[in-house]
Amino acid sequence: MDHSADVLGWIEENFIMCEIEIESCPLFPYGRLITDTNGETMIVYWDIVSGQVDYRFP
């Protein structure tokens, strides 16, 4: 099952899209690297253990 839409949906619900940059982060399942206007980053991905979107701050 493709959970890419779940990850992107979570990002759209929690961020103002014009204020962030999104890059692919293939080290995580369906991972996306988010960078805000201050240069802060986080990784949003599909956690295969919990079966939901999760995130981490590097």
C-alpha atoms as a PDB file:
ATOM      1  CA  MET A   1       0.000   0.000   0.000  1.00  0.00           C
ATOM      2  CA  ASP A   2       1.259   3.481  -0.887  1.00  0.00           C
ATOM      3  CA  HIS A   3       1.225   5.748   2.166  1.00  0.00           C
ATOM      4  CA  SER A   4       2.766   8.704   0.372  1.00  0.00           C
ATOM      5  CA  ALA A   5      -0.627  10.446   0.323  1.00  0.00           C
ATOM      6  CA  ASP A   6      -0.967   9.920   4.091  1.00  0.00           C
ATOM      7  CA  VAL A   7       2.410  11.570   4.713  1.00  0.00           C
ATOM      8  CA  LEU A   8       1.681  14.493   2.394  1.00  0.00           C
ATOM      9  CA  GLY A   9      -1.797  14.906   3.900  1.00  0.00           C
ATOM     10  CA  TRP A  10      -0.296  15.124   7.387  1.00  0.00           C
ATOM     11  CA  ILE A  11       2.151  17.759   6.189  1.00  0.00           C
ATOM     12  CA  GLU A  12      -0.655  19.805   4.601  1.00  0.00           C
ATOM     13  CA  GLU A  13      -2.695  19.631   7.835  1.00  0.00           C
ATOM     14  CA  ASN A  14       0.188  20.788  10.027  1.00  0.00           C
ATOM     15  CA  PHE A  15       2.072  23.354   7.952  1.00  0.00           C
ATOM     16  CA  ILE A  16       1.444  26.406   5.831  1.00  0.00           C
ATOM     17  CA  MET A  17       2.610  24.995   2.522  1.00  0.00           C
ATOM     18  CA  CYS A  18       4.038  28.251   1.130  1.00  0.00           C
ATOM     19  CA  GLU A  19       6.321  28.522   4.183  1.00  0.00           C
ATOM     20  CA  ILE A  20       8.122  25.176   3.811  1.00  0.00           C
ATOM     21  CA  GLU A  21      10.201  23.245   1.321  1.00  0.00           C
ATOM     22  CA  ILE A  22       9.630  19.506   0.900  1.00  0.00           C
ATOM     23  CA  GLU A  23      12.268  17.084  -0.336  1.00  0.00           C
ATOM     24  CA  SER A  24      12.245  13.322  -0.672  1.00  0.00           C
ATOM     25  CA  CYS A  25      14.043  11.442   2.114  1.00  0.00           C
ATOM     26  CA  PRO A  26      14.382   7.825   0.923  1.00  0.00           C
ATOM     27  CA  LEU A  27      16.046   6.647   4.152  1.00  0.00           C
ATOM     28  CA  PHE A  28      12.559   6.515   5.709  1.00  0.00           C
ATOM     29  CA  PRO A  29       9.399   4.884   4.305  1.00  0.00           C
ATOM     30  CA  TYR A  30       7.642   7.572   2.227  1.00  0.00           C
ATOM     31  CA  GLY A  31       9.951  10.040   3.969  1.00  0.00           C
ATOM     32  CA  ARG A  32       9.906  13.774   3.366  1.00  0.00           C
ATOM     33  CA  LEU A  33      12.440  16.282   4.642  1.00  0.00           C
ATOM     34  CA  ILE A  34      10.697  19.508   5.649  1.00  0.00           C
ATOM     35  CA  THR A  35      12.632  22.790   5.867  1.00  0.00           C
ATOM     36  CA  ASP A  36      10.935  25.933   7.172  1.00  0.00           C
ATOM     37  CA  THR A  37      11.760  29.568   6.478  1.00  0.00           C
ATOM     38  CA  ASN A  38      14.155  29.624   9.470  1.00  0.00           C
ATOM     39  CA  GLY A  39      16.171  26.704   8.078  1.00  0.00           C
ATOM     40  CA  GLU A  40      14.868  24.273  10.713  1.00  0.00           C
ATOM     41  CA  THR A  41      14.324  20.718   9.453  1.00  0.00           C
ATOM     42  CA  MET A  42      12.340  17.636  10.353  1.00  0.00           C
ATOM     43  CA  ILE A  43      11.595  14.295   8.724  1.00  0.00           C
ATOM     44  CA  VAL A  44       8.013  13.121   8.241  1.00  0.00           C
ATOM     45  CA  TYR A  45       7.514   9.467   7.286  1.00  0.00           C
ATOM     46  CA  TRP A  46       5.250   6.406   7.476  1.00  0.00           C
ATOM     47  CA  ASP A  47       6.057   4.308  10.566  1.00  0.00           C
ATOM     48  CA  ILE A  48       5.566   0.687   9.511  1.00  0.00           C
ATOM     49  CA  VAL A  49       5.441  -0.533  13.137  1.00  0.00           C
ATOM     50  CA  SER A  50       2.680   1.781  14.376  1.00  0.00           C
ATOM     51  CA  GLY A  51       0.936   2.075  11.010  1.00  0.00           C
ATOM     52  CA  GLN A  52       0.734   5.853  11.093  1.00  0.00           C
ATOM     53  CA  VAL A  53       2.581   9.022  10.136  1.00  0.00           C
ATOM     54  CA  ASP A  54       5.446   9.915  12.451  1.00  0.00           C
ATOM     55  CA  TYR A  55       8.137  12.585  12.503  1.00  0.00           C
ATOM     56  CA  ARG A  56      11.595  13.212  13.870  1.00  0.00           C
ATOM     57  CA  PHE A  57      13.778  16.238  14.368  1.00  0.00           C
ATOM     58  CA  PRO A  58      17.347  15.548  13.225  1.00  0.00           C
END
